Each structure stands twice: as C-alpha cells, then as structure tokens.
Amino acid sequence: MIHPKTIAQIGRARFEEMLIGLHCGTIAINAWTGLGFLTAQSTWVVGPTLGVSLHYGPDYRSDLDGHKFFAIGPIVGGYVGLDFPRPGKIFNFELGLTPYLIPLFGVNDPANHAGIVVGGLFDASFRFAPSKS
C-alpha cells in the first residue's frame, strides 16, 4: 500500500524503477493481489457453445392461465474463462463468461410466436481433470 502523495514525492519514474527491481511474478499496488496470484497459475479456456433451447409457457401478453405455446431454437454462443488447477485434486475450478443468442420459433403457432433471446451467463464450475500418470 502506498499513498498517491508518496508516489508523487518519490517521482513516478523512480517508483517504477523500484518496482522493476523487485523481480516478482505478480506485483499489485493498492490492490487485492489474490486474483493476480491465481491467474499466474491458470490457463485460458475458449470455445464455442452450441445447443437446443426448448420453451413452454404462457404468452407474455396473456395472463398465467392464458394461451400457452411451445418454442424451440438453436443456442449459439461462445465461452471464455480461466481454468484454475487444484494440484492433487481430480477436479479443476473454472470461472468464465458465456454470451449467447437464441432465435426461437413457435411450434404450434410460428406466425405469432417467434423472437430472439440475447443473454449471457457467468459460469463457475468444476471440471474433471484426470491425473497425468
């Protein structure tokens, strides 16, 4: 922790020279260093997401007991996240984001029930990581 006035007194260039001289993997100034420590050991995971979305329920324009319909559509999206290894454990921890797009088409009334869902997920999961032996 260092006060901004102290950095101004030392001088920004001299302060940065002092930091370079530390020779550390992760250096954080006035910040929580837990994330920096974890990201040095983690790997990036990136890939596509594909699936099918099934919906059944009332039309948003009707009451809950009103006209119900069934809709189906493909899920198209991507995934980007970090895989945090857990040495000695059979599951790694993953943290990531999944943006997606779902074009929906009504099965029993396609003219009146079609639309697009755009959204995203914040994912936290455990991934099976078999031991390398």
C-alpha atoms as a PDB file:
ATOM      1  CA  MET A   1       0.000   0.000   0.000  1.00  0.00           C
ATOM      2  CA  ILE A   2       1.328   3.385  -0.933  1.00  0.00           C
ATOM      3  CA  HIS A   3      -0.328   6.782  -0.829  1.00  0.00           C
ATOM      4  CA  PRO A   4      -0.504   8.719  -4.122  1.00  0.00           C
ATOM      5  CA  LYS A   5       1.270  11.685  -2.451  1.00  0.00           C
ATOM      6  CA  THR A   6       4.187   9.378  -1.601  1.00  0.00           C
ATOM      7  CA  ILE A   7       4.438   8.308  -5.246  1.00  0.00           C
ATOM      8  CA  ALA A   8       4.469  11.995  -6.226  1.00  0.00           C
ATOM      9  CA  GLN A   9       7.251  12.706  -3.706  1.00  0.00           C
ATOM     10  CA  ILE A  10       9.397   9.799  -4.960  1.00  0.00           C
ATOM     11  CA  GLY A  11       8.626  10.573  -8.586  1.00  0.00           C
ATOM     12  CA  ARG A  12       6.776   8.231 -10.929  1.00  0.00           C
ATOM     13  CA  ALA A  13       9.867   7.176 -12.893  1.00  0.00           C
ATOM     14  CA  ARG A  14      11.839   6.318  -9.736  1.00  0.00           C
ATOM     15  CA  PHE A  15       8.839   4.466  -8.276  1.00  0.00           C
ATOM     16  CA  GLU A  16       8.556   2.302 -11.415  1.00  0.00           C
ATOM     17  CA  GLU A  17      12.318   1.575 -11.301  1.00  0.00           C
ATOM     18  CA  MET A  18      11.903   0.382  -7.713  1.00  0.00           C
ATOM     19  CA  LEU A  19       9.077  -1.948  -8.778  1.00  0.00           C
ATOM     20  CA  ILE A  20      11.119  -3.409 -11.635  1.00  0.00           C
ATOM     21  CA  GLY A  21      13.897  -4.169  -9.165  1.00  0.00           C
ATOM     22  CA  LEU A  22      11.611  -6.448  -7.105  1.00  0.00           C
ATOM     23  CA  HIS A  23      11.768  -9.320  -9.673  1.00  0.00           C
ATOM     24  CA  CYS A  24       8.389 -10.804  -8.662  1.00  0.00           C
ATOM     25  CA  GLY A  25       5.797 -12.682 -10.715  1.00  0.00           C
ATOM     26  CA  THR A  26       2.860 -10.578  -9.529  1.00  0.00           C
ATOM     27  CA  ILE A  27       3.057  -7.042  -8.178  1.00  0.00           C
ATOM     28  CA  ALA A  28      -0.046  -5.094  -7.166  1.00  0.00           C
ATOM     29  CA  ILE A  29      -0.090  -1.528  -5.949  1.00  0.00           C
ATOM     30  CA  ASN A  30      -3.059  -0.532  -3.767  1.00  0.00           C
ATOM     31  CA  ALA A  31      -4.996  -3.588  -4.937  1.00  0.00           C
ATOM     32  CA  TRP A  32      -6.104  -7.020  -3.765  1.00  0.00           C
ATOM     33  CA  THR A  33      -3.450  -9.465  -5.013  1.00  0.00           C
ATOM     34  CA  GLY A  34      -5.426 -12.722  -4.690  1.00  0.00           C
ATOM     35  CA  LEU A  35      -6.633 -12.643  -8.301  1.00  0.00           C
ATOM     36  CA  GLY A  36      -3.140 -11.898  -9.619  1.00  0.00           C
ATOM     37  CA  PHE A  37      -1.726 -14.834  -7.682  1.00  0.00           C
ATOM     38  CA  LEU A  38      -4.381 -17.216  -9.042  1.00  0.00           C
ATOM     39  CA  THR A  39      -4.183 -16.074 -12.683  1.00  0.00           C
ATOM     40  CA  ALA A  40      -0.437 -16.775 -12.828  1.00  0.00           C
ATOM     41  CA  GLN A  41      -1.202 -20.495 -12.351  1.00  0.00           C
ATOM     42  CA  SER A  42      -4.346 -20.681 -14.514  1.00  0.00           C
ATOM     43  CA  THR A  43      -4.882 -21.296 -18.222  1.00  0.00           C
ATOM     44  CA  TRP A  44      -7.356 -19.690 -20.601  1.00  0.00           C
ATOM     45  CA  VAL A  45     -10.249 -21.804 -21.893  1.00  0.00           C
ATOM     46  CA  VAL A  46     -12.018 -20.569 -25.032  1.00  0.00           C
ATOM     47  CA  GLY A  47     -14.531 -22.297 -27.284  1.00  0.00           C
ATOM     48  CA  PRO A  48     -17.921 -22.318 -28.986  1.00  0.00           C
ATOM     49  CA  THR A  49     -21.213 -23.296 -27.371  1.00  0.00           C
ATOM     50  CA  LEU A  50     -23.992 -24.968 -29.326  1.00  0.00           C
ATOM     51  CA  GLY A  51     -27.253 -26.468 -28.137  1.00  0.00           C
ATOM     52  CA  VAL A  52     -31.013 -26.540 -28.371  1.00  0.00           C
ATOM     53  CA  SER A  53     -33.376 -24.401 -26.331  1.00  0.00           C
ATOM     54  CA  LEU A  54     -36.889 -25.679 -25.529  1.00  0.00           C
ATOM     55  CA  HIS A  55     -39.540 -23.374 -24.046  1.00  0.00           C
ATOM     56  CA  TYR A  56     -43.109 -23.985 -22.928  1.00  0.00           C
ATOM     57  CA  GLY A  57     -45.320 -21.490 -21.203  1.00  0.00           C
ATOM     58  CA  PRO A  58     -47.844 -18.697 -21.493  1.00  0.00           C
ATOM     59  CA  ASP A  59     -47.518 -15.809 -23.901  1.00  0.00           C
ATOM     60  CA  TYR A  60     -46.155 -12.729 -22.115  1.00  0.00           C
ATOM     61  CA  ARG A  61     -49.187 -10.783 -23.371  1.00  0.00           C
ATOM     62  CA  SER A  62     -51.667 -13.091 -21.626  1.00  0.00           C
ATOM     63  CA  ASP A  63     -52.314 -13.959 -18.011  1.00  0.00           C
ATOM     64  CA  LEU A  64     -50.702 -17.046 -16.484  1.00  0.00           C
ATOM     65  CA  ASP A  65     -53.680 -19.237 -17.398  1.00  0.00           C
ATOM     66  CA  GLY A  66     -53.844 -17.870 -20.947  1.00  0.00           C
ATOM     67  CA  HIS A  67     -52.612 -19.179 -24.281  1.00  0.00           C
ATOM     68  CA  LYS A  68     -49.616 -21.482 -23.802  1.00  0.00           C
ATOM     69  CA  PHE A  69     -47.177 -22.272 -26.589  1.00  0.00           C
ATOM     70  CA  PHE A  70     -44.107 -24.371 -27.259  1.00  0.00           C
ATOM     71  CA  ALA A  71     -40.993 -22.806 -28.848  1.00  0.00           C
ATOM     72  CA  ILE A  72     -37.712 -24.298 -29.971  1.00  0.00           C
ATOM     73  CA  GLY A  73     -34.467 -22.811 -31.253  1.00  0.00           C
ATOM     74  CA  PRO A  74     -30.713 -23.314 -31.521  1.00  0.00           C
ATOM     75  CA  ILE A  75     -28.350 -21.844 -28.913  1.00  0.00           C
ATOM     76  CA  VAL A  76     -25.281 -20.260 -30.477  1.00  0.00           C
ATOM     77  CA  GLY A  77     -22.598 -18.684 -28.340  1.00  0.00           C
ATOM     78  CA  GLY A  78     -19.088 -18.821 -27.023  1.00  0.00           C
ATOM     79  CA  TYR A  79     -17.193 -19.407 -23.801  1.00  0.00           C
ATOM     80  CA  VAL A  80     -14.166 -17.689 -22.365  1.00  0.00           C
ATOM     81  CA  GLY A  81     -12.810 -18.421 -18.924  1.00  0.00           C
ATOM     82  CA  LEU A  82      -9.931 -19.360 -16.676  1.00  0.00           C
ATOM     83  CA  ASP A  83      -9.120 -22.886 -15.535  1.00  0.00           C
ATOM     84  CA  PHE A  84      -7.598 -22.910 -12.042  1.00  0.00           C
ATOM     85  CA  PRO A  85      -5.638 -26.123 -11.389  1.00  0.00           C
ATOM     86  CA  ARG A  86      -6.008 -27.786  -7.999  1.00  0.00           C
ATOM     87  CA  PRO A  87      -2.913 -29.970  -7.501  1.00  0.00           C
ATOM     88  CA  GLY A  88      -3.749 -33.373  -6.084  1.00  0.00           C
ATOM     89  CA  LYS A  89      -7.481 -33.000  -6.838  1.00  0.00           C
ATOM     90  CA  ILE A  90      -9.437 -34.703  -9.631  1.00  0.00           C
ATOM     91  CA  PHE A  91     -11.466 -31.567 -10.410  1.00  0.00           C
ATOM     92  CA  ASN A  92     -10.172 -28.153 -11.514  1.00  0.00           C
ATOM     93  CA  PHE A  93     -12.164 -24.976 -10.908  1.00  0.00           C
ATOM     94  CA  GLU A  94     -13.317 -22.888 -13.911  1.00  0.00           C
ATOM     95  CA  LEU A  95     -14.628 -19.346 -13.950  1.00  0.00           C
ATOM     96  CA  GLY A  96     -15.906 -17.803 -17.171  1.00  0.00           C
ATOM     97  CA  LEU A  97     -18.444 -15.940 -19.303  1.00  0.00           C
ATOM     98  CA  THR A  98     -20.844 -17.393 -21.862  1.00  0.00           C
ATOM     99  CA  PRO A  99     -22.598 -14.911 -24.178  1.00  0.00           C
ATOM    100  CA  TYR A 100     -25.332 -16.499 -26.315  1.00  0.00           C
ATOM    101  CA  LEU A 101     -28.031 -15.898 -28.937  1.00  0.00           C
ATOM    102  CA  ILE A 102     -31.214 -17.998 -29.266  1.00  0.00           C
ATOM    103  CA  PRO A 103     -33.574 -17.484 -32.226  1.00  0.00           C
ATOM    104  CA  LEU A 104     -36.899 -19.018 -31.086  1.00  0.00           C
ATOM    105  CA  PHE A 105     -39.687 -20.304 -33.312  1.00  0.00           C
ATOM    106  CA  GLY A 106     -43.158 -21.268 -32.102  1.00  0.00           C
ATOM    107  CA  VAL A 107     -44.001 -24.884 -32.930  1.00  0.00           C
ATOM    108  CA  ASN A 108     -47.796 -24.722 -32.809  1.00  0.00           C
ATOM    109  CA  ASP A 109     -48.149 -21.022 -33.810  1.00  0.00           C
ATOM    110  CA  PRO A 110     -44.975 -19.812 -35.589  1.00  0.00           C
ATOM    111  CA  ALA A 111     -46.584 -16.706 -37.076  1.00  0.00           C
ATOM    112  CA  ASN A 112     -47.334 -15.225 -33.648  1.00  0.00           C
ATOM    113  CA  HIS A 113     -44.549 -16.719 -31.548  1.00  0.00           C
ATOM    114  CA  ALA A 114     -41.067 -16.023 -32.842  1.00  0.00           C
ATOM    115  CA  GLY A 115     -38.271 -13.972 -31.375  1.00  0.00           C
ATOM    116  CA  ILE A 116     -34.652 -13.743 -30.343  1.00  0.00           C
ATOM    117  CA  VAL A 117     -33.151 -14.145 -26.877  1.00  0.00           C
ATOM    118  CA  VAL A 118     -29.778 -12.490 -26.301  1.00  0.00           C
ATOM    119  CA  GLY A 119     -28.097 -13.105 -22.991  1.00  0.00           C
ATOM    120  CA  GLY A 120     -25.126 -14.335 -21.092  1.00  0.00           C
ATOM    121  CA  LEU A 121     -24.051 -16.418 -18.141  1.00  0.00           C
ATOM    122  CA  PHE A 122     -21.397 -16.009 -15.515  1.00  0.00           C
ATOM    123  CA  ASP A 123     -20.142 -19.576 -15.084  1.00  0.00           C
ATOM    124  CA  ALA A 124     -18.415 -21.142 -12.123  1.00  0.00           C
ATOM    125  CA  SER A 125     -17.879 -24.886 -12.358  1.00  0.00           C
ATOM    126  CA  PHE A 126     -15.674 -27.830 -11.524  1.00  0.00           C
ATOM    127  CA  ARG A 127     -14.084 -29.639 -14.487  1.00  0.00           C
ATOM    128  CA  PHE A 128     -12.843 -33.198 -14.379  1.00  0.00           C
ATOM    129  CA  ALA A 129      -9.038 -33.211 -14.742  1.00  0.00           C
ATOM    130  CA  PRO A 130      -7.667 -36.782 -14.791  1.00  0.00           C
ATOM    131  CA  SER A 131      -4.219 -37.262 -13.316  1.00  0.00           C
ATOM    132  CA  LYS A 132      -1.324 -37.460 -15.763  1.00  0.00           C
ATOM    133  CA  SER A 133       0.299 -40.777 -14.996  1.00  0.00           C
END
